[in-house]
Amino acid sequence: MAKGYVVAHIKVHDPEGFKTFAAMAGPVIKEFGGTVLARDPKPELREGELEGVCVMVEFESPEQAKAFYESAGYTAAKEFREKISDARLVLVSGL
């Protein structure tokens, strides 16, 4: 079965607030069986215009990644994150 991934680029406007978001999102990631594979505050951008923290989280399936994203716990974290950052986030199916 293919894995599912959440890939995010987050331009943080409030670093202290981002710590709060991470504390909110972390337990929800674990609850849905996710593993943070990468977190880089200054990724080496080669193409495009994205900037900010790059995060990649792996889940057991695309369905599990979607369930995480649509969960009440992550919705609350996301609503908070939207106040302190701008984000681009995609759900990706593994091979």
Protein backbone atom coordinates (compact mmCIF):
# COMPACT_ATOMS: atom_id res chain seq x y z
CA MET A 1 0.00 0.00 0.00
CA ALA A 2 1.25 3.49 -0.86
CA LYS A 3 2.23 5.86 1.91
CA GLY A 4 0.65 9.28 2.24
CA TYR A 5 2.57 12.49 2.76
CA VAL A 6 1.82 16.01 3.93
CA VAL A 7 4.29 18.51 2.48
CA ALA A 8 4.15 22.09 3.73
CA HIS A 9 6.02 25.33 3.14
CA ILE A 10 5.25 27.75 5.94
CA LYS A 11 6.30 31.40 6.01
CA VAL A 12 6.26 32.21 9.71
CA HIS A 13 5.40 35.74 10.87
CA ASP A 14 5.41 34.96 14.60
CA PRO A 15 8.17 32.53 15.71
CA GLU A 16 6.80 32.21 19.25
CA GLY A 17 3.33 31.53 17.89
CA PHE A 18 4.79 28.89 15.59
CA LYS A 19 6.12 27.04 18.63
CA THR A 20 2.55 26.96 19.94
CA PHE A 21 1.30 25.63 16.60
CA ALA A 22 3.96 22.89 16.60
CA ALA A 23 2.94 21.90 20.13
CA MET A 24 -0.70 21.67 18.97
CA ALA A 25 0.02 19.77 15.73
CA GLY A 26 2.62 17.32 17.05
CA PRO A 27 0.28 15.18 19.16
CA VAL A 28 -2.27 15.05 16.32
CA ILE A 29 0.40 13.86 13.90
CA LYS A 30 1.26 11.06 16.33
CA GLU A 31 -2.41 10.26 16.92
CA PHE A 32 -2.80 9.53 13.20
CA GLY A 33 0.42 7.52 13.01
CA GLY A 34 2.44 10.22 11.26
CA THR A 35 6.20 10.60 11.31
CA VAL A 36 7.93 13.88 10.61
CA LEU A 37 10.56 13.00 7.99
CA ALA A 38 11.96 16.48 7.42
CA ARG A 39 11.77 19.94 8.92
CA ASP A 40 14.06 22.60 7.54
CA PRO A 41 13.66 26.30 8.42
CA LYS A 42 15.87 27.33 5.48
CA PRO A 43 15.53 24.80 2.67
CA GLU A 44 17.71 25.29 -0.40
CA LEU A 45 15.20 26.60 -2.90
CA ARG A 46 16.18 25.81 -6.49
CA GLU A 47 13.03 26.80 -8.40
CA GLY A 48 9.93 28.82 -7.71
CA GLU A 49 9.13 31.35 -5.04
CA LEU A 50 8.25 29.38 -1.92
CA GLU A 51 9.95 30.40 1.28
CA GLY A 52 9.89 29.49 4.92
CA VAL A 53 9.94 26.27 6.89
CA CYS A 54 9.59 23.10 4.81
CA VAL A 55 8.01 20.11 6.55
CA MET A 56 7.32 16.59 5.28
CA VAL A 57 5.21 14.14 7.30
CA GLU A 58 4.69 10.49 6.34
CA PHE A 59 1.52 8.51 7.07
CA GLU A 60 0.73 4.84 6.45
CA SER A 61 -1.61 5.71 3.58
CA PRO A 62 -2.99 8.67 1.65
CA GLU A 63 -6.29 8.09 3.46
CA GLN A 64 -4.54 8.40 6.83
CA ALA A 65 -2.87 11.66 5.73
CA LYS A 66 -6.27 13.01 4.66
CA ALA A 67 -7.88 11.88 7.93
CA PHE A 68 -5.13 13.73 9.85
CA TYR A 69 -5.63 16.90 7.82
CA GLU A 70 -9.41 16.83 8.22
CA SER A 71 -9.36 15.93 11.94
CA ALA A 72 -10.75 18.24 14.61
CA GLY A 73 -7.36 18.39 16.31
CA TYR A 74 -5.50 19.51 13.22
CA THR A 75 -8.30 21.89 12.22
CA ALA A 76 -7.81 23.73 15.53
CA ALA A 77 -4.02 23.85 15.00
CA LYS A 78 -4.48 25.00 11.40
CA GLU A 79 -6.82 27.82 12.44
CA PHE A 80 -4.16 29.01 14.88
CA ARG A 81 -1.38 28.63 12.28
CA GLU A 82 -3.30 30.75 9.78
CA LYS A 83 -3.06 33.70 12.22
CA ILE A 84 0.75 33.54 12.50
CA SER A 85 1.90 32.35 9.07
CA ASP A 86 1.21 31.85 5.39
CA ALA A 87 1.32 28.26 4.19
CA ARG A 88 1.24 26.08 1.11
CA LEU A 89 0.32 22.50 1.97
CA VAL A 90 -0.24 19.47 -0.25
CA LEU A 91 -1.26 15.87 0.33
CA VAL A 92 0.83 13.51 -1.78
CA SER A 93 0.43 9.78 -2.47
CA GLY A 94 3.59 7.68 -2.40
CA LEU A 95 4.59 5.26 -5.13
